[in-house]
Protein backbone atom coordinates (compact mmCIF):
# COMPACT_ATOMS: atom_id res chain seq x y z
CA UNK A 1 -19.29 -6.81 29.85
CA UNK A 2 -17.34 -9.68 27.78
CA UNK A 3 -15.96 -8.53 24.26
CA UNK A 4 -15.52 -10.86 21.58
CA UNK A 5 -12.48 -10.69 19.08
CA UNK A 6 -13.53 -10.48 15.43
CA UNK A 7 -11.03 -11.43 13.09
CA UNK A 8 -10.75 -8.74 10.37
CA UNK A 9 -11.79 -10.61 7.40
CA UNK A 10 -14.76 -11.52 8.96
CA UNK A 11 -15.61 -7.72 9.91
CA UNK A 12 -14.61 -6.69 6.45
CA UNK A 13 -17.37 -8.93 5.06
CA UNK A 14 -19.84 -7.86 7.12
CA UNK A 15 -18.89 -4.14 6.95
CA UNK A 16 -18.73 -4.03 2.90
CA UNK A 17 -22.56 -5.29 2.78
CA UNK A 18 -23.39 -1.67 3.42
CA UNK A 19 -23.51 -0.11 0.08
CA UNK A 20 -22.02 3.34 0.70
CA UNK A 21 -19.20 1.63 2.89
CA UNK A 22 -18.94 -0.58 -0.25
CA UNK A 23 -18.71 2.53 -2.89
CA UNK A 24 -16.18 4.13 -0.92
CA UNK A 25 -13.86 1.09 -0.16
CA UNK A 26 -14.52 0.45 -4.13
CA UNK A 27 -13.13 3.98 -4.84
CA UNK A 28 -9.94 3.14 -3.00
CA UNK A 29 -8.79 0.05 -4.37
CA UNK A 30 -6.20 1.93 -6.91
CA UNK A 31 -4.53 3.06 -3.50
CA UNK A 32 -4.91 -0.37 -1.98
CA UNK A 33 -3.07 -2.12 -4.68
CA UNK A 34 -0.19 0.36 -4.98
CA UNK A 35 0.45 -0.31 -0.95
CA UNK A 36 0.16 -4.08 -1.30
CA UNK A 37 2.48 -3.71 -4.52
CA UNK A 38 5.13 -2.07 -2.62
CA UNK A 39 5.10 -3.69 0.92
CA UNK A 40 5.11 -7.07 -1.03
CA UNK A 41 8.08 -6.24 -3.59
CA UNK A 42 10.11 -4.72 -0.19
CA UNK A 43 9.72 -7.61 1.65
CA UNK A 44 10.24 -9.91 -1.07
CA UNK A 45 13.80 -8.64 -1.58
CA UNK A 46 14.45 -8.44 2.10
CA UNK A 47 14.79 -4.79 2.54
CA UNK A 48 13.47 -2.66 5.39
CA UNK A 49 11.84 0.67 5.00
CA UNK A 50 15.14 2.42 5.82
CA UNK A 51 17.13 0.59 3.20
CA UNK A 52 14.56 1.42 0.84
CA UNK A 53 14.35 4.91 1.35
CA UNK A 54 18.27 4.91 1.33
CA UNK A 55 18.23 3.28 -2.24
CA UNK A 56 15.78 6.12 -3.62
CA UNK A 57 17.58 8.90 -1.53
CA UNK A 58 14.88 9.88 0.93
CA UNK A 59 13.72 8.87 4.51
CA UNK A 60 12.23 6.23 5.99
CA UNK A 61 9.10 8.16 7.00
CA UNK A 62 8.54 8.66 3.14
CA UNK A 63 8.32 5.12 2.64
CA UNK A 64 6.49 4.50 5.66
CA UNK A 65 3.84 7.05 4.77
CA UNK A 66 3.56 5.59 1.40
CA UNK A 67 2.87 2.17 2.76
CA UNK A 68 0.11 3.37 5.44
CA UNK A 69 -1.76 5.25 2.33
CA UNK A 70 -0.71 8.83 3.73
CA UNK A 71 1.22 9.76 0.47
CA UNK A 72 0.31 10.68 -3.15
CA UNK A 73 3.55 9.76 -5.03
CA UNK A 74 4.06 11.31 -8.07
CA UNK A 75 5.13 9.21 -11.10
CA UNK A 76 8.70 10.17 -10.95
CA UNK A 77 9.01 8.77 -7.40
CA UNK A 78 7.08 5.66 -8.50
CA UNK A 79 9.82 5.24 -11.09
CA UNK A 80 12.69 5.54 -8.44
CA UNK A 81 10.83 3.29 -6.28
CA UNK A 82 10.87 0.72 -9.29
CA UNK A 83 14.37 0.96 -10.12
CA UNK A 84 15.28 0.66 -6.07
CA UNK A 85 13.25 -2.50 -6.32
CA UNK A 86 14.61 -3.90 -9.49
CA UNK A 87 11.43 -3.93 -10.78
CA UNK A 88 9.15 -2.34 -13.72
CA UNK A 89 6.54 0.41 -13.13
CA UNK A 90 3.30 -0.57 -15.12
CA UNK A 91 0.32 1.26 -15.03
CA UNK A 92 -2.72 0.19 -16.68
CA UNK A 93 -6.20 1.47 -17.06
CA UNK A 94 -8.63 -1.62 -17.32
């Protein structure tokens, strides 16, 4: 049996046609947005997870857990993160 590689974006588009999966995916959008913002800000500044962790005074594993979605950071932690990234923390309800 030959396995074909499916591009993730193709798979995602197909999978999100399932209404139940789409509902759960949509519920996770705030978490995905946070992860994307942290990773983009860190990499834009040329920082490793270890370097960012040192700036905050925490461990690299804390940054890793945040970036893979296995953390529920407090607002206080997000403030430290923003400061370490020379950014502003903005929380909006839309």
